[in-house]
N, C-alpha and C. Protein backbone atom coordinates (compact mmCIF):
# COMPACT_ATOMS: atom_id res chain seq x y z
N UNK A 1 -90.90 54.89 -57.49
CA UNK A 1 -90.47 53.53 -57.76
C UNK A 1 -88.97 53.43 -57.49
N UNK A 2 -88.57 53.55 -56.24
CA UNK A 2 -87.16 53.47 -55.88
C UNK A 2 -86.76 52.00 -55.78
N UNK A 3 -85.79 51.61 -56.60
CA UNK A 3 -85.28 50.24 -56.64
C UNK A 3 -86.39 49.22 -56.87
N UNK A 4 -87.23 49.50 -57.86
CA UNK A 4 -88.34 48.62 -58.21
C UNK A 4 -88.20 48.10 -59.64
N UNK A 5 -87.93 48.98 -60.59
CA UNK A 5 -88.00 48.64 -62.01
C UNK A 5 -87.10 47.47 -62.39
N UNK A 6 -85.94 47.37 -61.77
CA UNK A 6 -85.00 46.29 -62.10
C UNK A 6 -85.51 44.91 -61.70
N UNK A 7 -86.57 44.87 -60.87
CA UNK A 7 -87.16 43.61 -60.42
C UNK A 7 -88.29 43.14 -61.32
N UNK A 8 -88.67 43.94 -62.30
CA UNK A 8 -89.81 43.64 -63.16
C UNK A 8 -89.29 43.16 -64.51
N UNK A 9 -89.69 41.95 -64.90
CA UNK A 9 -89.17 41.36 -66.13
C UNK A 9 -89.50 42.22 -67.35
N UNK A 10 -90.75 42.64 -67.49
CA UNK A 10 -91.16 43.46 -68.63
C UNK A 10 -91.30 44.91 -68.17
N UNK A 11 -90.16 45.60 -68.05
CA UNK A 11 -90.21 46.96 -67.51
C UNK A 11 -90.90 47.93 -68.45
N UNK A 12 -90.86 47.69 -69.76
CA UNK A 12 -91.54 48.57 -70.70
C UNK A 12 -93.05 48.55 -70.45
N UNK A 13 -93.58 47.38 -70.24
CA UNK A 13 -95.02 47.24 -69.93
C UNK A 13 -95.34 47.91 -68.60
N UNK A 14 -94.50 47.72 -67.61
CA UNK A 14 -94.74 48.33 -66.29
C UNK A 14 -94.76 49.85 -66.40
N UNK A 15 -93.83 50.43 -67.15
CA UNK A 15 -93.81 51.89 -67.30
C UNK A 15 -95.03 52.39 -68.06
N UNK A 16 -95.47 51.64 -69.07
CA UNK A 16 -96.69 52.03 -69.79
C UNK A 16 -97.90 51.98 -68.85
N UNK A 17 -97.96 50.98 -67.97
CA UNK A 17 -99.07 50.87 -67.02
C UNK A 17 -99.06 52.05 -66.05
N UNK A 18 -97.90 52.43 -65.57
CA UNK A 18 -97.80 53.59 -64.68
C UNK A 18 -98.29 54.82 -65.43
N UNK A 19 -97.85 54.98 -66.67
CA UNK A 19 -98.27 56.12 -67.47
C UNK A 19 -99.79 56.15 -67.65
N UNK A 20 -100.39 55.00 -67.89
CA UNK A 20 -101.85 54.93 -68.06
C UNK A 20 -102.59 55.32 -66.79
N UNK A 21 -102.03 55.03 -65.64
CA UNK A 21 -102.69 55.32 -64.36
C UNK A 21 -102.56 56.78 -63.96
N UNK A 22 -101.56 57.47 -64.49
CA UNK A 22 -101.35 58.87 -64.12
C UNK A 22 -102.19 59.80 -64.99
N UNK A 23 -102.61 60.89 -64.41
CA UNK A 23 -103.25 61.94 -65.19
C UNK A 23 -102.19 62.67 -66.01
N UNK A 24 -102.58 63.35 -67.07
CA UNK A 24 -101.59 64.16 -67.81
C UNK A 24 -100.91 65.13 -66.83
N UNK A 25 -99.61 65.20 -66.92
CA UNK A 25 -98.84 66.04 -66.01
C UNK A 25 -98.43 65.32 -64.73
N UNK A 26 -98.97 64.12 -64.49
CA UNK A 26 -98.59 63.34 -63.31
C UNK A 26 -97.12 62.95 -63.40
N UNK A 27 -96.51 62.69 -62.27
CA UNK A 27 -95.07 62.43 -62.24
C UNK A 27 -94.72 61.05 -61.72
N UNK A 28 -93.60 60.56 -62.22
CA UNK A 28 -92.99 59.34 -61.72
C UNK A 28 -91.57 59.71 -61.26
N UNK A 29 -91.18 59.16 -60.14
CA UNK A 29 -89.82 59.35 -59.62
C UNK A 29 -89.27 57.96 -59.35
N UNK A 30 -88.07 57.69 -59.85
CA UNK A 30 -87.54 56.34 -59.68
C UNK A 30 -86.02 56.33 -59.58
N UNK A 31 -85.53 55.24 -59.02
CA UNK A 31 -84.10 54.97 -59.00
C UNK A 31 -83.89 53.52 -59.39
N UNK A 32 -82.76 53.27 -60.03
CA UNK A 32 -82.41 51.92 -60.47
C UNK A 32 -80.90 51.75 -60.33
N UNK A 33 -80.41 50.51 -60.26
CA UNK A 33 -78.96 50.29 -60.22
C UNK A 33 -78.33 50.55 -61.59
N UNK A 34 -77.10 51.03 -61.57
CA UNK A 34 -76.42 51.42 -62.81
C UNK A 34 -75.45 50.35 -63.30
N UNK A 35 -75.31 50.29 -64.62
CA UNK A 35 -74.27 49.56 -65.34
C UNK A 35 -74.34 48.04 -65.23
N UNK A 36 -74.65 47.42 -66.35
CA UNK A 36 -74.67 45.95 -66.40
C UNK A 36 -73.30 45.34 -66.12
N UNK A 37 -72.22 46.05 -66.40
CA UNK A 37 -70.90 45.49 -66.11
C UNK A 37 -70.67 45.32 -64.61
N UNK A 38 -71.50 45.96 -63.79
CA UNK A 38 -71.40 45.81 -62.34
C UNK A 38 -72.26 44.65 -61.84
N UNK A 39 -72.87 43.90 -62.75
CA UNK A 39 -73.72 42.77 -62.35
C UNK A 39 -72.94 41.83 -61.45
N UNK A 40 -73.58 41.40 -60.35
CA UNK A 40 -72.89 40.49 -59.43
C UNK A 40 -73.86 39.68 -58.60
N UNK A 41 -73.33 39.03 -57.59
CA UNK A 41 -74.13 38.18 -56.71
C UNK A 41 -75.32 38.93 -56.12
N UNK A 42 -75.09 40.19 -55.78
CA UNK A 42 -76.15 41.00 -55.17
C UNK A 42 -77.37 41.08 -56.09
N UNK A 43 -77.13 41.22 -57.38
CA UNK A 43 -78.24 41.29 -58.34
C UNK A 43 -79.00 39.97 -58.40
N UNK A 44 -78.27 38.88 -58.41
CA UNK A 44 -78.90 37.56 -58.46
C UNK A 44 -79.69 37.29 -57.18
N UNK A 45 -79.11 37.59 -56.03
CA UNK A 45 -79.78 37.38 -54.74
C UNK A 45 -81.07 38.18 -54.67
N UNK A 46 -81.04 39.40 -55.22
CA UNK A 46 -82.21 40.27 -55.16
C UNK A 46 -83.15 40.14 -56.34
N UNK A 47 -82.90 39.15 -57.18
CA UNK A 47 -83.76 38.83 -58.32
C UNK A 47 -83.93 40.02 -59.28
N UNK A 48 -82.80 40.67 -59.58
CA UNK A 48 -82.81 41.73 -60.58
C UNK A 48 -82.83 41.10 -61.97
N UNK A 49 -83.42 41.81 -62.90
CA UNK A 49 -83.38 41.40 -64.30
C UNK A 49 -82.34 42.18 -65.09
N UNK A 50 -82.00 43.38 -64.61
CA UNK A 50 -81.08 44.23 -65.36
C UNK A 50 -80.58 45.37 -64.50
N UNK A 51 -79.60 46.08 -65.04
CA UNK A 51 -79.11 47.35 -64.54
C UNK A 51 -79.21 48.34 -65.70
N UNK A 52 -79.06 49.62 -65.45
CA UNK A 52 -79.34 50.65 -66.45
C UNK A 52 -78.21 51.65 -66.59
N UNK A 53 -78.16 52.27 -67.74
CA UNK A 53 -77.39 53.50 -67.91
C UNK A 53 -78.39 54.66 -67.87
N UNK A 54 -77.88 55.84 -67.68
CA UNK A 54 -78.73 57.03 -67.66
C UNK A 54 -79.45 57.18 -68.99
N UNK A 55 -78.73 57.00 -70.07
CA UNK A 55 -79.33 57.14 -71.41
C UNK A 55 -80.45 56.11 -71.61
N UNK A 56 -80.20 54.88 -71.20
CA UNK A 56 -81.20 53.81 -71.36
C UNK A 56 -82.47 54.12 -70.56
N UNK A 57 -82.32 54.58 -69.33
CA UNK A 57 -83.49 54.89 -68.51
C UNK A 57 -84.28 56.05 -69.12
N UNK A 58 -83.60 57.06 -69.60
CA UNK A 58 -84.28 58.19 -70.28
C UNK A 58 -85.10 57.68 -71.46
N UNK A 59 -84.48 56.83 -72.29
CA UNK A 59 -85.14 56.31 -73.47
C UNK A 59 -86.39 55.51 -73.09
N UNK A 60 -86.28 54.66 -72.08
CA UNK A 60 -87.41 53.83 -71.67
C UNK A 60 -88.55 54.69 -71.13
N UNK A 61 -88.24 55.74 -70.40
CA UNK A 61 -89.28 56.64 -69.90
C UNK A 61 -89.94 57.38 -71.07
N UNK A 62 -89.17 57.85 -72.01
CA UNK A 62 -89.74 58.55 -73.16
C UNK A 62 -90.63 57.62 -73.99
N UNK A 63 -90.21 56.37 -74.13
CA UNK A 63 -91.01 55.40 -74.89
C UNK A 63 -92.34 55.11 -74.21
N UNK A 64 -92.42 55.34 -72.89
CA UNK A 64 -93.65 55.09 -72.14
C UNK A 64 -94.48 56.38 -71.97
N UNK A 65 -94.20 57.40 -72.80
CA UNK A 65 -94.98 58.63 -72.81
C UNK A 65 -94.66 59.56 -71.64
N UNK A 66 -93.40 59.60 -71.22
CA UNK A 66 -92.96 60.52 -70.18
C UNK A 66 -91.95 61.51 -70.75
N UNK A 67 -91.94 62.71 -70.21
CA UNK A 67 -90.89 63.69 -70.47
C UNK A 67 -90.00 63.73 -69.25
N UNK A 68 -88.73 63.44 -69.43
CA UNK A 68 -87.78 63.41 -68.31
C UNK A 68 -87.47 64.84 -67.89
N UNK A 69 -87.73 65.14 -66.63
CA UNK A 69 -87.47 66.47 -66.10
C UNK A 69 -86.11 66.56 -65.41
N UNK A 70 -85.67 65.45 -64.84
CA UNK A 70 -84.35 65.40 -64.19
C UNK A 70 -83.88 63.96 -64.22
N UNK A 71 -82.63 63.78 -64.58
CA UNK A 71 -82.03 62.44 -64.55
C UNK A 71 -80.55 62.60 -64.25
N UNK A 72 -80.07 61.81 -63.33
CA UNK A 72 -78.67 61.87 -62.95
C UNK A 72 -78.24 60.55 -62.33
N UNK A 73 -76.96 60.31 -62.39
CA UNK A 73 -76.40 59.24 -61.58
C UNK A 73 -76.29 59.75 -60.15
N UNK A 74 -76.25 58.85 -59.20
CA UNK A 74 -75.95 59.23 -57.82
C UNK A 74 -75.21 58.09 -57.15
N UNK A 75 -74.85 58.31 -55.90
CA UNK A 75 -73.94 57.42 -55.18
C UNK A 75 -72.61 57.38 -55.96
N UNK A 76 -72.16 58.57 -56.33
CA UNK A 76 -70.96 58.76 -57.12
C UNK A 76 -69.70 58.72 -56.27
N UNK A 77 -69.74 59.32 -55.08
CA UNK A 77 -68.56 59.36 -54.23
C UNK A 77 -68.11 57.95 -53.83
N UNK A 78 -69.07 57.03 -53.70
CA UNK A 78 -68.73 55.66 -53.32
C UNK A 78 -68.51 54.74 -54.53
N UNK A 79 -68.65 55.28 -55.72
CA UNK A 79 -68.51 54.47 -56.91
C UNK A 79 -67.15 53.76 -57.00
N UNK A 80 -66.03 54.43 -56.79
CA UNK A 80 -64.73 53.73 -56.92
C UNK A 80 -64.58 52.52 -55.99
N UNK A 81 -64.84 52.65 -54.68
CA UNK A 81 -64.68 51.44 -53.86
C UNK A 81 -65.71 50.35 -54.17
N UNK A 82 -66.93 50.73 -54.49
CA UNK A 82 -67.95 49.73 -54.81
C UNK A 82 -67.60 49.01 -56.10
N UNK A 83 -67.14 49.75 -57.11
CA UNK A 83 -66.74 49.13 -58.37
C UNK A 83 -65.55 48.20 -58.15
N UNK A 84 -64.60 48.61 -57.32
CA UNK A 84 -63.42 47.77 -57.06
C UNK A 84 -63.82 46.46 -56.39
N UNK A 85 -64.70 46.53 -55.41
CA UNK A 85 -65.16 45.30 -54.73
C UNK A 85 -65.87 44.38 -55.71
N UNK A 86 -66.72 44.95 -56.56
CA UNK A 86 -67.46 44.14 -57.53
C UNK A 86 -66.51 43.49 -58.53
N UNK A 87 -65.53 44.24 -59.02
CA UNK A 87 -64.59 43.69 -59.99
C UNK A 87 -63.68 42.64 -59.36
N UNK A 88 -63.23 42.86 -58.14
CA UNK A 88 -62.42 41.86 -57.45
C UNK A 88 -63.20 40.56 -57.25
N UNK A 89 -64.47 40.70 -56.90
CA UNK A 89 -65.31 39.51 -56.71
C UNK A 89 -65.46 38.75 -58.03
N UNK A 90 -65.59 39.48 -59.12
CA UNK A 90 -65.77 38.84 -60.43
C UNK A 90 -64.52 38.07 -60.85
N UNK A 91 -63.37 38.58 -60.51
CA UNK A 91 -62.14 37.96 -60.97
C UNK A 91 -61.50 37.05 -59.93
N UNK A 92 -62.34 36.48 -59.05
CA UNK A 92 -61.92 35.37 -58.22
C UNK A 92 -61.22 35.69 -56.92
N UNK A 93 -61.19 36.91 -56.50
CA UNK A 93 -60.53 37.23 -55.24
C UNK A 93 -61.42 36.92 -54.04
N UNK A 94 -62.69 36.67 -54.32
CA UNK A 94 -63.66 36.39 -53.27
C UNK A 94 -64.61 35.33 -53.80
N UNK A 95 -64.94 34.31 -53.02
CA UNK A 95 -65.87 33.29 -53.52
C UNK A 95 -67.28 33.87 -53.72
N UNK A 96 -68.06 33.17 -54.54
CA UNK A 96 -69.46 33.57 -54.72
C UNK A 96 -70.12 33.72 -53.37
N UNK A 97 -71.01 34.65 -53.30
CA UNK A 97 -71.61 35.01 -52.02
C UNK A 97 -73.12 34.89 -52.14
N UNK A 98 -73.72 34.01 -51.38
CA UNK A 98 -75.17 33.81 -51.46
C UNK A 98 -75.94 34.98 -50.83
N UNK A 99 -75.26 35.84 -50.09
CA UNK A 99 -75.93 36.99 -49.49
C UNK A 99 -75.79 38.25 -50.35
N UNK A 100 -75.02 38.20 -51.41
CA UNK A 100 -74.77 39.39 -52.20
C UNK A 100 -74.03 40.42 -51.36
N UNK A 101 -74.34 41.69 -51.57
CA UNK A 101 -73.67 42.76 -50.83
C UNK A 101 -74.13 42.84 -49.38
N UNK A 102 -75.17 42.11 -49.02
CA UNK A 102 -75.65 42.14 -47.64
C UNK A 102 -74.62 41.56 -46.67
N UNK A 103 -73.68 40.79 -47.18
CA UNK A 103 -72.62 40.23 -46.31
C UNK A 103 -71.77 41.34 -45.70
N UNK A 104 -71.78 42.53 -46.32
CA UNK A 104 -70.98 43.65 -45.83
C UNK A 104 -71.81 44.61 -44.96
N UNK A 105 -73.03 44.25 -44.64
CA UNK A 105 -73.95 45.17 -43.98
C UNK A 105 -73.49 45.62 -42.60
N UNK A 106 -72.71 44.83 -41.91
CA UNK A 106 -72.29 45.20 -40.57
C UNK A 106 -70.82 45.63 -40.53
N UNK A 107 -70.38 46.22 -41.60
CA UNK A 107 -69.00 46.65 -41.73
C UNK A 107 -68.73 47.85 -40.82
N UNK A 108 -67.62 47.87 -40.06
CA UNK A 108 -67.33 48.98 -39.15
C UNK A 108 -67.11 50.31 -39.87
N UNK A 109 -66.86 50.27 -41.18
CA UNK A 109 -66.67 51.52 -41.92
C UNK A 109 -67.99 52.16 -42.35
N UNK A 110 -69.12 51.55 -42.03
CA UNK A 110 -70.40 52.07 -42.49
C UNK A 110 -70.67 53.53 -42.12
N UNK A 111 -70.34 54.01 -40.91
CA UNK A 111 -70.58 55.43 -40.63
C UNK A 111 -69.84 56.36 -41.60
N UNK A 112 -68.63 56.01 -41.97
CA UNK A 112 -67.87 56.83 -42.92
C UNK A 112 -68.52 56.76 -44.30
N UNK A 113 -68.89 55.57 -44.72
CA UNK A 113 -69.55 55.40 -46.02
C UNK A 113 -70.88 56.14 -46.06
N UNK A 114 -71.63 56.09 -44.98
CA UNK A 114 -72.92 56.79 -44.90
C UNK A 114 -72.70 58.30 -45.03
N UNK A 115 -71.67 58.83 -44.39
CA UNK A 115 -71.37 60.26 -44.48
C UNK A 115 -71.01 60.66 -45.91
N UNK A 116 -70.22 59.82 -46.57
CA UNK A 116 -69.86 60.12 -47.96
C UNK A 116 -71.10 60.13 -48.85
N UNK A 117 -71.97 59.15 -48.66
CA UNK A 117 -73.20 59.07 -49.46
C UNK A 117 -74.08 60.30 -49.18
N UNK A 118 -74.23 60.66 -47.93
CA UNK A 118 -75.08 61.80 -47.55
C UNK A 118 -74.55 63.12 -48.09
N UNK A 119 -73.24 63.24 -48.21
CA UNK A 119 -72.65 64.49 -48.68
C UNK A 119 -73.07 64.83 -50.11
N UNK A 120 -73.43 63.84 -50.88
CA UNK A 120 -73.82 64.07 -52.28
C UNK A 120 -75.05 64.95 -52.40
N UNK A 121 -75.93 64.90 -51.42
CA UNK A 121 -77.19 65.64 -51.56
C UNK A 121 -76.96 67.13 -51.75
N UNK A 122 -75.89 67.67 -51.17
CA UNK A 122 -75.56 69.09 -51.33
C UNK A 122 -75.25 69.37 -52.80
N UNK A 123 -74.47 68.53 -53.42
CA UNK A 123 -74.06 68.73 -54.81
C UNK A 123 -75.20 68.46 -55.78
N UNK A 124 -76.02 67.45 -55.47
CA UNK A 124 -77.10 67.08 -56.39
C UNK A 124 -78.16 68.17 -56.52
N UNK A 125 -78.18 69.10 -55.62
CA UNK A 125 -79.11 70.24 -55.76
C UNK A 125 -78.74 71.10 -56.96
N UNK A 126 -77.45 71.06 -57.35
CA UNK A 126 -76.95 71.98 -58.36
C UNK A 126 -76.41 71.33 -59.62
N UNK A 127 -75.99 70.07 -59.53
CA UNK A 127 -75.36 69.42 -60.69
C UNK A 127 -75.89 68.00 -60.85
N UNK A 128 -75.70 67.47 -62.04
CA UNK A 128 -75.95 66.06 -62.31
C UNK A 128 -74.59 65.36 -62.38
N UNK A 129 -74.49 64.20 -61.79
CA UNK A 129 -73.24 63.45 -61.80
C UNK A 129 -73.11 62.65 -63.09
N UNK A 130 -71.90 62.53 -63.64
CA UNK A 130 -71.70 61.82 -64.91
C UNK A 130 -71.62 60.29 -64.75
N UNK A 131 -71.53 59.78 -63.53
CA UNK A 131 -71.50 58.34 -63.28
C UNK A 131 -71.90 58.13 -61.82
N UNK A 132 -72.22 56.88 -61.49
CA UNK A 132 -72.57 56.56 -60.11
C UNK A 132 -73.01 55.11 -60.00
N UNK A 133 -73.33 54.72 -58.80
CA UNK A 133 -73.77 53.35 -58.52
C UNK A 133 -75.22 53.17 -58.96
N UNK A 134 -76.00 54.26 -58.91
CA UNK A 134 -77.42 54.21 -59.23
C UNK A 134 -77.80 55.36 -60.15
N UNK A 135 -78.99 55.24 -60.73
CA UNK A 135 -79.56 56.25 -61.60
C UNK A 135 -80.86 56.75 -60.97
N UNK A 136 -81.07 58.06 -60.99
CA UNK A 136 -82.31 58.67 -60.50
C UNK A 136 -82.95 59.39 -61.68
N UNK A 137 -84.28 59.32 -61.75
CA UNK A 137 -85.00 60.08 -62.77
C UNK A 137 -86.34 60.55 -62.21
N UNK A 138 -86.73 61.74 -62.62
CA UNK A 138 -88.06 62.29 -62.36
C UNK A 138 -88.63 62.66 -63.71
N UNK A 139 -89.84 62.22 -63.99
CA UNK A 139 -90.44 62.45 -65.30
C UNK A 139 -91.92 62.79 -65.17
N UNK A 140 -92.43 63.48 -66.16
CA UNK A 140 -93.84 63.89 -66.19
C UNK A 140 -94.53 63.22 -67.36
N UNK A 141 -95.76 62.76 -67.10
CA UNK A 141 -96.55 62.14 -68.17
C UNK A 141 -96.95 63.21 -69.17
N UNK A 142 -96.79 62.88 -70.45
CA UNK A 142 -97.19 63.82 -71.52
C UNK A 142 -98.68 63.96 -71.60
């Protein structure tokens, strides 16, 4: 469920339904956007209901009868520039944007940003990041 849960109004019910469909020991893997303070036009355009913290996602998975096997933030290397853009937009440096973050999709810096994002996979094999743009979790049904 990569970038799915934030689109579901009653996410607790959705997680319980996934749990009911899985056999004992079955797994769920998901990613969600991090931090409600980063809420912006992009969330509204994409019809998100919420953003999450790592702790909150763990709790919601446990409440739905899952044991979290791995949970971490990711997209950490790009967190500072993404947070800066979001905060500048919030405080009036940029008008509301009906396209959300998609307005930046053809940015000439994308190859550099893609390389920075890709570099994280080496580190994520060994460590969990303490913050990031998104949250990843893998959990097993009890």
